[in-house]
């Protein structure tokens, strides 16, 4: 989770993870962060969601297929 920001020159974009911007200060700080997060989602131009479990599954399938093709062991 993070924000996509333009650099100082306006030419390139940089992804800034949320943990680099937010500090948590107990329960009251957590509530403020949650409210800010909800506001950011509503004001966002777009949301990108990534299914990491599917990507991992496809990577393991590709490794399996490669080992099967090369005739190597399935488990080293």
Protein backbone atom coordinates (compact mmCIF):
# COMPACT_ATOMS: atom_id res chain seq x y z
CA UNK A 1 0.00 0.00 0.00
CA UNK A 2 1.32 3.41 -0.86
CA UNK A 3 1.06 6.44 -3.10
CA UNK A 4 2.33 7.14 -6.58
CA UNK A 5 3.93 10.60 -6.57
CA UNK A 6 5.63 12.75 -9.20
CA UNK A 7 9.26 13.67 -8.64
CA UNK A 8 10.33 17.30 -8.12
CA UNK A 9 10.82 17.87 -11.83
CA UNK A 10 7.46 16.37 -12.80
CA UNK A 11 9.00 13.93 -15.26
CA UNK A 12 8.93 10.61 -13.43
CA UNK A 13 6.77 8.86 -10.86
CA UNK A 14 7.88 7.24 -7.64
CA UNK A 15 5.97 4.76 -5.49
CA UNK A 16 6.11 5.73 -1.81
CA UNK A 17 5.14 2.91 0.59
CA UNK A 18 2.76 3.84 3.38
CA UNK A 19 5.25 2.87 6.08
CA UNK A 20 7.63 5.64 4.93
CA UNK A 21 5.00 8.35 5.50
CA UNK A 22 2.92 7.35 8.52
CA UNK A 23 3.87 6.98 12.17
CA UNK A 24 1.51 5.22 14.54
CA UNK A 25 0.86 6.85 17.93
CA UNK A 26 -1.35 4.42 19.82
CA UNK A 27 -5.11 4.01 19.42
CA UNK A 28 -5.78 7.69 18.65
CA UNK A 29 -3.04 7.74 16.01
CA UNK A 30 -4.40 4.53 14.50
CA UNK A 31 -7.86 6.11 14.17
CA UNK A 32 -6.38 9.15 12.41
CA UNK A 33 -4.45 6.91 10.02
CA UNK A 34 -7.61 4.90 9.26
CA UNK A 35 -9.63 8.05 8.54
CA UNK A 36 -6.85 9.41 6.31
CA UNK A 37 -6.65 6.07 4.50
CA UNK A 38 -10.41 6.04 3.85
CA UNK A 39 -10.26 9.60 2.53
CA UNK A 40 -7.35 8.72 0.24
CA UNK A 41 -9.26 5.78 -1.25
CA UNK A 42 -12.30 7.97 -1.97
CA UNK A 43 -10.12 10.68 -3.55
CA UNK A 44 -7.95 8.28 -5.56
CA UNK A 45 -7.97 8.43 -9.33
CA UNK A 46 -7.67 4.68 -9.51
CA UNK A 47 -6.98 1.59 -7.44
CA UNK A 48 -4.67 -1.25 -8.38
CA UNK A 49 -5.18 -4.57 -6.67
CA UNK A 50 -2.76 -7.43 -7.12
CA UNK A 51 -3.57 -11.05 -6.43
CA UNK A 52 -0.22 -12.17 -5.05
CA UNK A 53 -1.35 -15.72 -4.33
CA UNK A 54 -2.21 -16.22 -7.99
CA UNK A 55 1.18 -14.82 -9.04
CA UNK A 56 2.97 -17.21 -6.67
CA UNK A 57 0.92 -20.15 -7.96
CA UNK A 58 1.79 -19.28 -11.57
CA UNK A 59 5.48 -18.96 -10.68
CA UNK A 60 5.52 -22.42 -9.08
CA UNK A 61 3.66 -23.84 -12.09
CA UNK A 62 6.29 -22.32 -14.40
CA UNK A 63 9.11 -23.85 -12.33
CA UNK A 64 7.36 -27.22 -12.39
CA UNK A 65 6.88 -27.05 -16.18
CA UNK A 66 10.51 -26.04 -16.71
CA UNK A 67 11.82 -28.91 -14.56
CA UNK A 68 9.49 -31.34 -16.34
CA UNK A 69 10.72 -30.08 -19.73
CA UNK A 70 14.41 -30.34 -18.75
CA UNK A 71 14.00 -33.77 -17.17
CA UNK A 72 15.31 -32.66 -13.79
CA UNK A 73 14.08 -33.54 -10.31
CA UNK A 74 10.90 -31.97 -9.06
CA UNK A 75 12.33 -31.46 -5.57
CA UNK A 76 16.08 -30.86 -5.19
